[in-house]
Amino acid sequence: MPPVGAGGMGYVAWAALIAMALPVLLLLGWALFRHYPIWAWPSYRDPKFAKVLKLSAPIFVAGVFGQLYMIVDRRLASGLDAGSIASLNFANRLVQLPFGIFVMALSTVVFPALADLAAQGNKKGFGEALSAGLRAMVILLVPATVGLIVLRHPIVRLAFERGSFDATDTAKTAFALSFYALGLLGLSTGTVLTRAFYSLHDTLTPVKIGILTAMLQALLAILLVYPLAHGGLALANSIGVSLGAIAMFILLRKSLGRLSMGVSALLGKVALCSLGMGLVSHLVYVWLSPLGDIVALAAAVGGGVAVYGAGLLALRVDEATWVLRRIYQIGKQ
């Protein structure tokens, strides 16, 4: 690593290292404070240890195929125009923002509940908890997808365009972002569905789907890279994760029986509201763009969220009605 101060990159590297180490140190300190056991030696003859290894083995195999796909993806990108790999990385970073905010929070809450219900053999409760998590993701991430696509240029410009990152780089990154955003819902629901399978002690099914997904993504990347350049690589990724999520949803629903999750009907309502939100956001941004990206983008997002919320209430989406009722109750207090 270059010395600290060499072009400022040393500070960035040290900041990233500290940011990754800090949560571990905080958790370690809390564990020591609460006298939790830190070191433990597994009993290799324990049947539970053997079961853990058996369940983990397919996941390691899937990881290998995932990395092979990444090698193909980056090898194809390296043969494109200069800056294509950087554009893909920047666009993927923007897509990871709503993923990290919403999906990680929801999965952290939902997964323990799913594990408990699976251990109890409560299929109905398991299906209801899973349905609640998936419905929340649809409500949050479909409008996020539309927003990223409609406002892709000002988002990229505001986030990255400075210094050597010029208007050409903004256009290339926004192009990739529009395709990566299409896979946001599939990526997110796939994460929760994978954990749902894990809570049922079924690691083989998501691994099989993951391997097939990686192979499909590699094939699509080869087919789409020439007509769409680096956008084709992003689209291949989105198609793969979306089809993988659909396959896991169908298989998991079959294993749970014919439980009504209401996700399909909700998706139609949310898609309709999101399209209206996208139209309003676009018009507001165009109207206020002379005031600058910050003002125009903030107003576009605010106006779009207001229209989206009003649409959910008009279509009587249960979650939106519940939120409004809670706000009313808190206001009365």
C-alpha atoms as a PDB file:
ATOM      1  CA  MET A   1       0.000   0.000   0.000  1.00  0.00           C
ATOM      2  CA  PRO A   2       1.329   3.455  -0.797  1.00  0.00           C
ATOM      3  CA  PRO A   3       2.374   5.572   2.154  1.00  0.00           C
ATOM      4  CA  VAL A   4      -0.204   7.739   3.829  1.00  0.00           C
ATOM      5  CA  GLY A   5      -0.487  11.028   1.982  1.00  0.00           C
ATOM      6  CA  ALA A   6       0.507   9.752  -1.478  1.00  0.00           C
ATOM      7  CA  GLY A   7      -2.172  11.459  -3.544  1.00  0.00           C
ATOM      8  CA  GLY A   8      -4.636  11.037  -0.689  1.00  0.00           C
ATOM      9  CA  MET A   9      -5.155   7.355  -1.526  1.00  0.00           C
ATOM     10  CA  GLY A  10      -3.365   6.243   1.606  1.00  0.00           C
ATOM     11  CA  TYR A  11      -5.964   8.023   3.751  1.00  0.00           C
ATOM     12  CA  VAL A  12      -8.769   6.318   1.825  1.00  0.00           C
ATOM     13  CA  ALA A  13      -7.205   2.892   2.334  1.00  0.00           C
ATOM     14  CA  TRP A  14      -6.670   3.448   6.058  1.00  0.00           C
ATOM     15  CA  ALA A  15     -10.209   4.782   6.454  1.00  0.00           C
ATOM     16  CA  ALA A  16     -11.626   1.662   4.779  1.00  0.00           C
ATOM     17  CA  LEU A  17      -9.507  -0.605   6.995  1.00  0.00           C
ATOM     18  CA  ILE A  18     -10.603   1.180  10.179  1.00  0.00           C
ATOM     19  CA  ALA A  19     -14.259   1.159   9.078  1.00  0.00           C
ATOM     20  CA  MET A  20     -14.166  -2.610   8.610  1.00  0.00           C
ATOM     21  CA  ALA A  21     -12.274  -3.280  11.844  1.00  0.00           C
ATOM     22  CA  LEU A  22     -14.317  -1.006  14.101  1.00  0.00           C
ATOM     23  CA  PRO A  23     -17.535  -3.114  14.217  1.00  0.00           C
ATOM     24  CA  VAL A  24     -15.501  -6.235  15.001  1.00  0.00           C
ATOM     25  CA  LEU A  25     -13.654  -4.490  17.830  1.00  0.00           C
ATOM     26  CA  LEU A  26     -16.910  -3.108  19.263  1.00  0.00           C
ATOM     27  CA  LEU A  27     -18.570  -6.526  19.219  1.00  0.00           C
ATOM     28  CA  LEU A  28     -15.481  -8.137  20.718  1.00  0.00           C
ATOM     29  CA  GLY A  29     -15.390  -5.538  23.497  1.00  0.00           C
ATOM     30  CA  TRP A  30     -19.075  -6.037  24.266  1.00  0.00           C
ATOM     31  CA  ALA A  31     -18.630  -9.820  24.349  1.00  0.00           C
ATOM     32  CA  LEU A  32     -15.749  -9.488  26.821  1.00  0.00           C
ATOM     33  CA  PHE A  33     -17.767  -7.048  28.941  1.00  0.00           C
ATOM     34  CA  ARG A  34     -20.687  -9.516  29.109  1.00  0.00           C
ATOM     35  CA  HIS A  35     -18.314 -12.430  29.764  1.00  0.00           C
ATOM     36  CA  TYR A  36     -19.346 -14.275  26.629  1.00  0.00           C
ATOM     37  CA  PRO A  37     -17.047 -17.148  25.604  1.00  0.00           C
ATOM     38  CA  ILE A  38     -14.655 -15.955  22.909  1.00  0.00           C
ATOM     39  CA  TRP A  39     -12.572 -19.042  22.233  1.00  0.00           C
ATOM     40  CA  ALA A  40     -14.015 -22.504  21.749  1.00  0.00           C
ATOM     41  CA  TRP A  41     -12.698 -25.741  20.319  1.00  0.00           C
ATOM     42  CA  PRO A  42     -15.275 -27.823  18.433  1.00  0.00           C
ATOM     43  CA  SER A  43     -15.737 -31.492  19.188  1.00  0.00           C
ATOM     44  CA  TYR A  44     -15.058 -33.043  15.811  1.00  0.00           C
ATOM     45  CA  ARG A  45     -16.957 -36.197  16.748  1.00  0.00           C
ATOM     46  CA  ASP A  46     -20.065 -34.251  17.697  1.00  0.00           C
ATOM     47  CA  PRO A  47     -22.909 -35.072  15.249  1.00  0.00           C
ATOM     48  CA  LYS A  48     -23.924 -31.380  15.285  1.00  0.00           C
ATOM     49  CA  PHE A  49     -20.469 -30.370  14.059  1.00  0.00           C
ATOM     50  CA  ALA A  50     -20.713 -32.914  11.238  1.00  0.00           C
ATOM     51  CA  LYS A  51     -24.157 -31.548  10.347  1.00  0.00           C
ATOM     52  CA  VAL A  52     -22.795 -28.005  10.144  1.00  0.00           C
ATOM     53  CA  LEU A  53     -20.050 -29.159   7.769  1.00  0.00           C
ATOM     54  CA  LYS A  54     -22.597 -31.040   5.659  1.00  0.00           C
ATOM     55  CA  LEU A  55     -24.844 -27.996   5.375  1.00  0.00           C
ATOM     56  CA  SER A  56     -21.923 -25.646   4.674  1.00  0.00           C
ATOM     57  CA  ALA A  57     -20.236 -27.695   1.943  1.00  0.00           C
ATOM     58  CA  PRO A  58     -22.704 -26.782  -0.859  1.00  0.00           C
ATOM     59  CA  ILE A  59     -22.377 -23.089   0.010  1.00  0.00           C
ATOM     60  CA  PHE A  60     -18.610 -23.253  -0.546  1.00  0.00           C
ATOM     61  CA  VAL A  61     -19.194 -24.871  -3.955  1.00  0.00           C
ATOM     62  CA  ALA A  62     -21.661 -22.138  -4.932  1.00  0.00           C
ATOM     63  CA  GLY A  63     -19.116 -19.522  -3.910  1.00  0.00           C
ATOM     64  CA  VAL A  64     -16.604 -20.994  -6.363  1.00  0.00           C
ATOM     65  CA  PHE A  65     -19.082 -20.717  -9.254  1.00  0.00           C
ATOM     66  CA  GLY A  66     -19.950 -17.166  -8.218  1.00  0.00           C
ATOM     67  CA  GLN A  67     -16.293 -16.193  -8.382  1.00  0.00           C
ATOM     68  CA  LEU A  68     -15.881 -17.872 -11.768  1.00  0.00           C
ATOM     69  CA  TYR A  69     -18.743 -15.769 -13.091  1.00  0.00           C
ATOM     70  CA  MET A  70     -17.072 -12.631 -11.731  1.00  0.00           C
ATOM     71  CA  ILE A  71     -13.880 -13.575 -13.568  1.00  0.00           C
ATOM     72  CA  VAL A  72     -15.826 -13.917 -16.838  1.00  0.00           C
ATOM     73  CA  ASP A  73     -17.623 -10.617 -16.179  1.00  0.00           C
ATOM     74  CA  ARG A  74     -14.441  -8.675 -15.496  1.00  0.00           C
ATOM     75  CA  ARG A  75     -12.577 -10.341 -18.361  1.00  0.00           C
ATOM     76  CA  LEU A  76     -15.269  -9.200 -20.782  1.00  0.00           C
ATOM     77  CA  ALA A  77     -15.332  -5.709 -19.271  1.00  0.00           C
ATOM     78  CA  SER A  78     -11.565  -5.388 -19.600  1.00  0.00           C
ATOM     79  CA  GLY A  79     -11.905  -5.735 -23.378  1.00  0.00           C
ATOM     80  CA  LEU A  80     -14.243  -2.727 -23.600  1.00  0.00           C
ATOM     81  CA  ASP A  81     -13.537   1.003 -23.617  1.00  0.00           C
ATOM     82  CA  ALA A  82     -11.336   2.454 -20.905  1.00  0.00           C
ATOM     83  CA  GLY A  83     -13.313   3.147 -17.761  1.00  0.00           C
ATOM     84  CA  SER A  84     -15.914   0.413 -18.315  1.00  0.00           C
ATOM     85  CA  ILE A  85     -14.893  -1.543 -15.213  1.00  0.00           C
ATOM     86  CA  ALA A  86     -14.889   1.626 -13.128  1.00  0.00           C
ATOM     87  CA  SER A  87     -18.347   2.543 -14.437  1.00  0.00           C
ATOM     88  CA  LEU A  88     -19.664  -0.886 -13.453  1.00  0.00           C
ATOM     89  CA  ASN A  89     -18.144  -0.570  -9.987  1.00  0.00           C
ATOM     90  CA  PHE A  90     -19.573   2.906  -9.407  1.00  0.00           C
ATOM     91  CA  ALA A  91     -23.025   1.884 -10.637  1.00  0.00           C
ATOM     92  CA  ASN A  92     -23.018  -1.251  -8.517  1.00  0.00           C
ATOM     93  CA  ARG A  93     -22.055   0.834  -5.494  1.00  0.00           C
ATOM     94  CA  LEU A  94     -25.153   2.993  -5.945  1.00  0.00           C
ATOM     95  CA  VAL A  95     -27.400  -0.073  -6.241  1.00  0.00           C
ATOM     96  CA  GLN A  96     -25.837  -1.511  -3.095  1.00  0.00           C
ATOM     97  CA  LEU A  97     -26.949   1.566  -1.142  1.00  0.00           C
ATOM     98  CA  PRO A  98     -30.688   0.701  -0.916  1.00  0.00           C
ATOM     99  CA  PHE A  99     -29.726  -2.967  -0.697  1.00  0.00           C
ATOM    100  CA  GLY A 100     -27.551  -2.329   2.343  1.00  0.00           C
ATOM    101  CA  ILE A 101     -30.047   0.000   4.016  1.00  0.00           C
ATOM    102  CA  PHE A 102     -33.260  -1.989   3.582  1.00  0.00           C
ATOM    103  CA  VAL A 103     -32.346  -5.599   2.849  1.00  0.00           C
ATOM    104  CA  MET A 104     -29.710  -6.107   5.484  1.00  0.00           C
ATOM    105  CA  ALA A 105     -31.952  -4.550   8.127  1.00  0.00           C
ATOM    106  CA  LEU A 106     -34.978  -6.639   7.142  1.00  0.00           C
ATOM    107  CA  SER A 107     -33.078  -9.902   6.766  1.00  0.00           C
ATOM    108  CA  THR A 108     -31.402  -9.408  10.147  1.00  0.00           C
ATOM    109  CA  VAL A 109     -34.852  -9.173  11.751  1.00  0.00           C
ATOM    110  CA  VAL A 110     -36.636 -11.787   9.643  1.00  0.00           C
ATOM    111  CA  PHE A 111     -34.023 -14.558   9.655  1.00  0.00           C
ATOM    112  CA  PRO A 112     -34.101 -15.336  13.426  1.00  0.00           C
ATOM    113  CA  ALA A 113     -37.898 -15.415  13.307  1.00  0.00           C
ATOM    114  CA  LEU A 114     -37.830 -17.798  10.351  1.00  0.00           C
ATOM    115  CA  ALA A 115     -35.307 -20.042  12.102  1.00  0.00           C
ATOM    116  CA  ASP A 116     -37.453 -20.223  15.254  1.00  0.00           C
ATOM    117  CA  LEU A 117     -40.646 -20.972  13.320  1.00  0.00           C
ATOM    118  CA  ALA A 118     -38.874 -23.610  11.218  1.00  0.00           C
ATOM    119  CA  ALA A 119     -37.546 -25.283  14.378  1.00  0.00           C
ATOM    120  CA  GLN A 120     -41.102 -25.381  15.757  1.00  0.00           C
ATOM    121  CA  GLY A 121     -42.421 -26.883  12.528  1.00  0.00           C
ATOM    122  CA  ASN A 122     -44.868 -23.984  12.191  1.00  0.00           C
ATOM    123  CA  LYS A 123     -45.285 -23.787   8.400  1.00  0.00           C
ATOM    124  CA  LYS A 124     -48.139 -21.311   8.574  1.00  0.00           C
ATOM    125  CA  GLY A 125     -46.217 -18.919  10.819  1.00  0.00           C
ATOM    126  CA  PHE A 126     -43.097 -19.407   8.686  1.00  0.00           C
ATOM    127  CA  GLY A 127     -45.026 -18.496   5.546  1.00  0.00           C
ATOM    128  CA  GLU A 128     -46.579 -15.451   7.191  1.00  0.00           C
ATOM    129  CA  ALA A 129     -43.212 -14.157   8.438  1.00  0.00           C
ATOM    130  CA  LEU A 130     -41.627 -14.739   5.041  1.00  0.00           C
ATOM    131  CA  SER A 131     -44.561 -13.057   3.309  1.00  0.00           C
ATOM    132  CA  ALA A 132     -44.233 -10.010   5.567  1.00  0.00           C
ATOM    133  CA  GLY A 133     -40.535  -9.692   4.722  1.00  0.00           C
ATOM    134  CA  LEU A 134     -41.065 -10.098   0.985  1.00  0.00           C
ATOM    135  CA  ARG A 135     -43.972  -7.648   0.936  1.00  0.00           C
ATOM    136  CA  ALA A 136     -41.869  -5.053   2.745  1.00  0.00           C
ATOM    137  CA  MET A 137     -39.113  -5.467   0.168  1.00  0.00           C
ATOM    138  CA  VAL A 138     -41.522  -5.071  -2.736  1.00  0.00           C
ATOM    139  CA  ILE A 139     -42.949  -1.881  -1.221  1.00  0.00           C
ATOM    140  CA  LEU A 140     -39.509  -0.401  -0.588  1.00  0.00           C
ATOM    141  CA  LEU A 141     -37.428  -1.603  -3.514  1.00  0.00           C
ATOM    142  CA  VAL A 142     -39.696  -1.348  -6.548  1.00  0.00           C
ATOM    143  CA  PRO A 143     -39.941   2.455  -6.165  1.00  0.00           C
ATOM    144  CA  ALA A 144     -36.202   2.536  -5.415  1.00  0.00           C
ATOM    145  CA  THR A 145     -35.614   0.760  -8.735  1.00  0.00           C
ATOM    146  CA  VAL A 146     -37.779   3.232 -10.638  1.00  0.00           C
ATOM    147  CA  GLY A 147     -36.137   6.164  -8.873  1.00  0.00           C
ATOM    148  CA  LEU A 148     -32.633   4.967  -9.719  1.00  0.00           C
ATOM    149  CA  ILE A 149     -33.560   4.565 -13.379  1.00  0.00           C
ATOM    150  CA  VAL A 150     -35.481   7.831 -13.798  1.00  0.00           C
ATOM    151  CA  LEU A 151     -32.983   9.972 -11.862  1.00  0.00           C
ATOM    152  CA  ARG A 152     -29.846   8.046 -12.782  1.00  0.00           C
ATOM    153  CA  HIS A 153     -28.004  10.952 -14.385  1.00  0.00           C
ATOM    154  CA  PRO A 154     -28.390  13.507 -11.559  1.00  0.00           C
ATOM    155  CA  ILE A 155     -27.727  10.803  -8.947  1.00  0.00           C
ATOM    156  CA  VAL A 156     -24.432   9.785 -10.564  1.00  0.00           C
ATOM    157  CA  ARG A 157     -23.484  13.390 -11.262  1.00  0.00           C
ATOM    158  CA  LEU A 158     -24.115  14.465  -7.688  1.00  0.00           C
ATOM    159  CA  ALA A 159     -22.388  11.431  -6.194  1.00  0.00           C
ATOM    160  CA  PHE A 160     -19.259  11.177  -8.341  1.00  0.00           C
ATOM    161  CA  GLU A 161     -18.768  13.948 -10.926  1.00  0.00           C
ATOM    162  CA  ARG A 162     -15.786  15.911  -9.713  1.00  0.00           C
ATOM    163  CA  GLY A 163     -12.062  15.947 -10.434  1.00  0.00           C
ATOM    164  CA  SER A 164     -11.152  13.465 -13.161  1.00  0.00           C
ATOM    165  CA  PHE A 165     -14.694  12.019 -13.139  1.00  0.00           C
ATOM    166  CA  ASP A 166     -16.230  13.999 -16.013  1.00  0.00           C
ATOM    167  CA  ALA A 167     -19.546  14.107 -17.898  1.00  0.00           C
ATOM    168  CA  THR A 168     -18.528  11.172 -20.096  1.00  0.00           C
ATOM    169  CA  ASP A 169     -17.921   9.029 -17.019  1.00  0.00           C
ATOM    170  CA  THR A 170     -21.295  10.115 -15.638  1.00  0.00           C
ATOM    171  CA  ALA A 171     -23.053   8.997 -18.827  1.00  0.00           C
ATOM    172  CA  LYS A 172     -21.293   5.605 -18.800  1.00  0.00           C
ATOM    173  CA  THR A 173     -22.014   5.004 -15.123  1.00  0.00           C
ATOM    174  CA  ALA A 174     -25.664   6.075 -15.488  1.00  0.00           C
ATOM    175  CA  PHE A 175     -26.026   3.671 -18.418  1.00  0.00           C
ATOM    176  CA  ALA A 176     -24.792   0.769 -16.268  1.00  0.00           C
ATOM    177  CA  LEU A 177     -26.895   1.921 -13.306  1.00  0.00           C
ATOM    178  CA  SER A 178     -30.125   1.697 -15.312  1.00  0.00           C
ATOM    179  CA  PHE A 179     -29.451  -2.005 -15.957  1.00  0.00           C
ATOM    180  CA  TYR A 180     -28.138  -2.852 -12.494  1.00  0.00           C
ATOM    181  CA  ALA A 181     -31.230  -1.238 -10.941  1.00  0.00           C
ATOM    182  CA  LEU A 182     -33.466  -3.724 -12.787  1.00  0.00           C
ATOM    183  CA  GLY A 183     -32.040  -6.516 -10.642  1.00  0.00           C
ATOM    184  CA  LEU A 184     -32.394  -4.761  -7.284  1.00  0.00           C
ATOM    185  CA  LEU A 185     -35.629  -6.523  -6.311  1.00  0.00           C
ATOM    186  CA  GLY A 186     -34.357  -9.911  -7.490  1.00  0.00           C
ATOM    187  CA  LEU A 187     -31.067  -9.489  -5.633  1.00  0.00           C
ATOM    188  CA  SER A 188     -32.866  -8.446  -2.454  1.00  0.00           C
ATOM    189  CA  THR A 189     -35.619 -11.062  -2.406  1.00  0.00           C
ATOM    190  CA  GLY A 190     -33.071 -13.714  -3.375  1.00  0.00           C
ATOM    191  CA  THR A 191     -31.078 -12.894  -0.256  1.00  0.00           C
ATOM    192  CA  VAL A 192     -34.112 -13.372   2.008  1.00  0.00           C
ATOM    193  CA  LEU A 193     -35.312 -16.495   0.196  1.00  0.00           C
ATOM    194  CA  THR A 194     -31.842 -18.025   0.490  1.00  0.00           C
ATOM    195  CA  ARG A 195     -31.905 -17.451   4.242  1.00  0.00           C
ATOM    196  CA  ALA A 196     -35.391 -18.928   4.373  1.00  0.00           C
ATOM    197  CA  PHE A 197     -34.051 -22.136   2.821  1.00  0.00           C
ATOM    198  CA  TYR A 198     -31.133 -22.099   5.263  1.00  0.00           C
ATOM    199  CA  SER A 199     -33.508 -21.814   8.213  1.00  0.00           C
ATOM    200  CA  LEU A 200     -35.203 -24.995   6.918  1.00  0.00           C
ATOM    201  CA  HIS A 201     -31.759 -26.669   6.902  1.00  0.00           C
ATOM    202  CA  ASP A 202     -31.876 -26.840   3.116  1.00  0.00           C
ATOM    203  CA  THR A 203     -28.656 -25.415   1.723  1.00  0.00           C
ATOM    204  CA  LEU A 204     -28.646 -27.571  -1.397  1.00  0.00           C
ATOM    205  CA  THR A 205     -31.608 -25.995  -3.214  1.00  0.00           C
ATOM    206  CA  PRO A 206     -30.341 -22.381  -3.195  1.00  0.00           C
ATOM    207  CA  VAL A 207     -26.874 -23.634  -4.123  1.00  0.00           C
ATOM    208  CA  LYS A 208     -28.220 -25.501  -7.162  1.00  0.00           C
ATOM    209  CA  ILE A 209     -30.100 -22.387  -8.221  1.00  0.00           C
ATOM    210  CA  GLY A 210     -27.018 -20.259  -7.531  1.00  0.00           C
ATOM    211  CA  ILE A 211     -24.839 -22.434  -9.765  1.00  0.00           C
ATOM    212  CA  LEU A 212     -27.379 -22.372 -12.596  1.00  0.00           C
ATOM    213  CA  THR A 213     -27.733 -18.600 -12.127  1.00  0.00           C
ATOM    214  CA  ALA A 214     -23.962 -18.077 -12.382  1.00  0.00           C
ATOM    215  CA  MET A 215     -23.819 -20.166 -15.569  1.00  0.00           C
ATOM    216  CA  LEU A 216     -26.760 -18.250 -17.054  1.00  0.00           C
ATOM    217  CA  GLN A 217     -25.203 -14.911 -16.134  1.00  0.00           C
ATOM    218  CA  ALA A 218     -21.928 -15.866 -17.798  1.00  0.00           C
ATOM    219  CA  LEU A 219     -23.749 -16.929 -20.986  1.00  0.00           C
ATOM    220  CA  LEU A 220     -25.876 -13.765 -21.042  1.00  0.00           C
ATOM    221  CA  ALA A 221     -22.801 -11.624 -20.425  1.00  0.00           C
ATOM    222  CA  ILE A 222     -21.131 -13.103 -23.509  1.00  0.00           C
ATOM    223  CA  LEU A 223     -24.278 -12.538 -25.602  1.00  0.00           C
ATOM    224  CA  LEU A 224     -25.069  -9.013 -24.371  1.00  0.00           C
ATOM    225  CA  VAL A 225     -21.630  -7.443 -24.004  1.00  0.00           C
ATOM    226  CA  TYR A 226     -21.259  -6.555 -27.678  1.00  0.00           C
ATOM    227  CA  PRO A 227     -24.650  -4.956 -28.399  1.00  0.00           C
ATOM    228  CA  LEU A 228     -24.822  -3.140 -25.031  1.00  0.00           C
ATOM    229  CA  ALA A 229     -21.140  -2.916 -24.004  1.00  0.00           C
ATOM    230  CA  HIS A 230     -20.735  -2.683 -20.221  1.00  0.00           C
ATOM    231  CA  GLY A 231     -24.506  -2.199 -19.912  1.00  0.00           C
ATOM    232  CA  GLY A 232     -24.910  -5.736 -21.224  1.00  0.00           C
ATOM    233  CA  LEU A 233     -22.828  -7.077 -18.345  1.00  0.00           C
ATOM    234  CA  ALA A 234     -25.014  -5.234 -15.845  1.00  0.00           C
ATOM    235  CA  LEU A 235     -28.173  -6.493 -17.564  1.00  0.00           C
ATOM    236  CA  ALA A 236     -26.886 -10.077 -17.533  1.00  0.00           C
ATOM    237  CA  ASN A 237     -26.345  -9.792 -13.799  1.00  0.00           C
ATOM    238  CA  SER A 238     -29.843  -8.409 -13.235  1.00  0.00           C
ATOM    239  CA  ILE A 239     -31.576 -11.052 -15.356  1.00  0.00           C
ATOM    240  CA  GLY A 240     -29.700 -13.824 -13.572  1.00  0.00           C
ATOM    241  CA  VAL A 241     -30.453 -12.720 -10.017  1.00  0.00           C
ATOM    242  CA  SER A 242     -34.100 -12.017 -10.895  1.00  0.00           C
ATOM    243  CA  LEU A 243     -34.689 -15.441 -12.449  1.00  0.00           C
ATOM    244  CA  GLY A 244     -32.881 -17.074  -9.541  1.00  0.00           C
ATOM    245  CA  ALA A 245     -35.138 -15.294  -7.043  1.00  0.00           C
ATOM    246  CA  ILE A 246     -38.261 -16.347  -8.978  1.00  0.00           C
ATOM    247  CA  ALA A 247     -37.097 -19.976  -9.024  1.00  0.00           C
ATOM    248  CA  MET A 248     -36.434 -19.958  -5.266  1.00  0.00           C
ATOM    249  CA  PHE A 249     -39.800 -18.340  -4.573  1.00  0.00           C
ATOM    250  CA  ILE A 250     -41.647 -21.026  -6.588  1.00  0.00           C
ATOM    251  CA  LEU A 251     -39.768 -23.916  -4.979  1.00  0.00           C
ATOM    252  CA  LEU A 252     -40.118 -22.539  -1.465  1.00  0.00           C
ATOM    253  CA  ARG A 253     -43.824 -21.924  -1.935  1.00  0.00           C
ATOM    254  CA  LYS A 254     -44.262 -25.537  -3.074  1.00  0.00           C
ATOM    255  CA  SER A 255     -42.415 -26.849  -0.027  1.00  0.00           C
ATOM    256  CA  LEU A 256     -44.587 -24.762   2.303  1.00  0.00           C
ATOM    257  CA  GLY A 257     -47.847 -25.785   0.660  1.00  0.00           C
ATOM    258  CA  ARG A 258     -50.347 -23.507  -0.987  1.00  0.00           C
ATOM    259  CA  LEU A 259     -49.953 -20.577   1.383  1.00  0.00           C
ATOM    260  CA  SER A 260     -51.354 -17.262   0.213  1.00  0.00           C
ATOM    261  CA  MET A 261     -48.548 -14.691   0.442  1.00  0.00           C
ATOM    262  CA  GLY A 262     -50.249 -11.955  -1.581  1.00  0.00           C
ATOM    263  CA  VAL A 263     -46.934 -10.883  -3.124  1.00  0.00           C
ATOM    264  CA  SER A 264     -48.046 -11.071  -6.766  1.00  0.00           C
ATOM    265  CA  ALA A 265     -51.130  -8.880  -6.264  1.00  0.00           C
ATOM    266  CA  LEU A 266     -49.090  -6.416  -4.225  1.00  0.00           C
ATOM    267  CA  LEU A 267     -46.433  -6.236  -6.937  1.00  0.00           C
ATOM    268  CA  GLY A 268     -49.007  -5.008  -9.458  1.00  0.00           C
ATOM    269  CA  LYS A 269     -50.235  -2.221  -7.161  1.00  0.00           C
ATOM    270  CA  VAL A 270     -46.720  -1.170  -6.229  1.00  0.00           C
ATOM    271  CA  ALA A 271     -45.593  -1.169  -9.867  1.00  0.00           C
ATOM    272  CA  LEU A 272     -48.492   1.107 -10.817  1.00  0.00           C
ATOM    273  CA  CYS A 273     -47.745   3.536  -7.970  1.00  0.00           C
ATOM    274  CA  SER A 274     -44.036   3.461  -8.794  1.00  0.00           C
ATOM    275  CA  LEU A 275     -44.651   4.387 -12.425  1.00  0.00           C
ATOM    276  CA  GLY A 276     -46.682   7.391 -11.288  1.00  0.00           C
ATOM    277  CA  MET A 277     -43.916   8.279  -8.849  1.00  0.00           C
ATOM    278  CA  GLY A 278     -41.309   8.038 -11.600  1.00  0.00           C
ATOM    279  CA  LEU A 279     -43.281  10.306 -13.909  1.00  0.00           C
ATOM    280  CA  VAL A 280     -43.756  12.954 -11.209  1.00  0.00           C
ATOM    281  CA  SER A 281     -40.098  12.744 -10.145  1.00  0.00           C
ATOM    282  CA  HIS A 282     -38.951  13.245 -13.733  1.00  0.00           C
ATOM    283  CA  LEU A 283     -41.234  16.242 -14.302  1.00  0.00           C
ATOM    284  CA  VAL A 284     -40.254  17.878 -11.008  1.00  0.00           C
ATOM    285  CA  TYR A 285     -36.552  17.415 -11.735  1.00  0.00           C
ATOM    286  CA  VAL A 286     -36.830  18.862 -15.245  1.00  0.00           C
ATOM    287  CA  TRP A 287     -38.834  21.816 -13.933  1.00  0.00           C
ATOM    288  CA  LEU A 288     -36.398  22.621 -11.106  1.00  0.00           C
ATOM    289  CA  SER A 289     -33.125  21.625 -12.790  1.00  0.00           C
ATOM    290  CA  PRO A 290     -32.130  25.293 -13.374  1.00  0.00           C
ATOM    291  CA  LEU A 291     -31.837  25.580  -9.580  1.00  0.00           C
ATOM    292  CA  GLY A 292     -29.105  22.925  -9.487  1.00  0.00           C
ATOM    293  CA  ASP A 293     -28.902  19.184  -8.957  1.00  0.00           C
ATOM    294  CA  ILE A 294     -29.191  19.255  -5.167  1.00  0.00           C
ATOM    295  CA  VAL A 295     -32.436  21.249  -5.051  1.00  0.00           C
ATOM    296  CA  ALA A 296     -33.973  19.574  -8.092  1.00  0.00           C
ATOM    297  CA  LEU A 297     -33.070  16.056  -6.974  1.00  0.00           C
ATOM    298  CA  ALA A 298     -34.316  16.617  -3.409  1.00  0.00           C
ATOM    299  CA  ALA A 299     -37.617  18.009  -4.688  1.00  0.00           C
ATOM    300  CA  ALA A 300     -37.983  15.197  -7.224  1.00  0.00           C
ATOM    301  CA  VAL A 301     -37.423  12.545  -4.568  1.00  0.00           C
ATOM    302  CA  GLY A 302     -39.750  14.260  -2.093  1.00  0.00           C
ATOM    303  CA  GLY A 303     -42.500  14.737  -4.648  1.00  0.00           C
ATOM    304  CA  GLY A 304     -42.147  11.195  -5.897  1.00  0.00           C
ATOM    305  CA  VAL A 305     -42.345   9.724  -2.397  1.00  0.00           C
ATOM    306  CA  ALA A 306     -45.485  11.768  -1.677  1.00  0.00           C
ATOM    307  CA  VAL A 307     -47.173  10.546  -4.866  1.00  0.00           C
ATOM    308  CA  TYR A 308     -46.100   6.960  -4.174  1.00  0.00           C
ATOM    309  CA  GLY A 309     -47.459   7.018  -0.626  1.00  0.00           C
ATOM    310  CA  ALA A 310     -50.743   8.550  -1.784  1.00  0.00           C
ATOM    311  CA  GLY A 311     -51.041   5.861  -4.442  1.00  0.00           C
ATOM    312  CA  LEU A 312     -50.532   3.053  -1.928  1.00  0.00           C
ATOM    313  CA  LEU A 313     -53.221   4.534   0.308  1.00  0.00           C
ATOM    314  CA  ALA A 314     -55.600   4.980  -2.630  1.00  0.00           C
ATOM    315  CA  LEU A 315     -55.119   1.326  -3.617  1.00  0.00           C
ATOM    316  CA  ARG A 316     -55.572   0.287   0.023  1.00  0.00           C
ATOM    317  CA  VAL A 317     -52.262  -1.465   0.481  1.00  0.00           C
ATOM    318  CA  ASP A 318     -52.346  -2.870   4.029  1.00  0.00           C
ATOM    319  CA  GLU A 319     -48.851  -1.797   5.003  1.00  0.00           C
ATOM    320  CA  ALA A 320     -49.451   1.815   3.953  1.00  0.00           C
ATOM    321  CA  THR A 321     -52.735   1.927   5.885  1.00  0.00           C
ATOM    322  CA  TRP A 322     -50.985   0.504   8.957  1.00  0.00           C
ATOM    323  CA  VAL A 323     -48.226   3.140   8.780  1.00  0.00           C
ATOM    324  CA  LEU A 324     -50.784   5.949   8.474  1.00  0.00           C
ATOM    325  CA  ARG A 325     -52.728   4.575  11.427  1.00  0.00           C
ATOM    326  CA  ARG A 326     -49.569   4.397  13.541  1.00  0.00           C
ATOM    327  CA  ILE A 327     -48.665   7.993  12.651  1.00  0.00           C
ATOM    328  CA  TYR A 328     -52.170   9.099  13.671  1.00  0.00           C
ATOM    329  CA  GLN A 329     -51.929   7.238  16.989  1.00  0.00           C
ATOM    330  CA  ILE A 330     -48.523   8.743  17.765  1.00  0.00           C
ATOM    331  CA  GLY A 331     -49.848  12.207  16.894  1.00  0.00           C
ATOM    332  CA  LYS A 332     -52.741  11.793  19.333  1.00  0.00           C
ATOM    333  CA  GLN A 333     -50.314  10.901  22.121  1.00  0.00           C
END
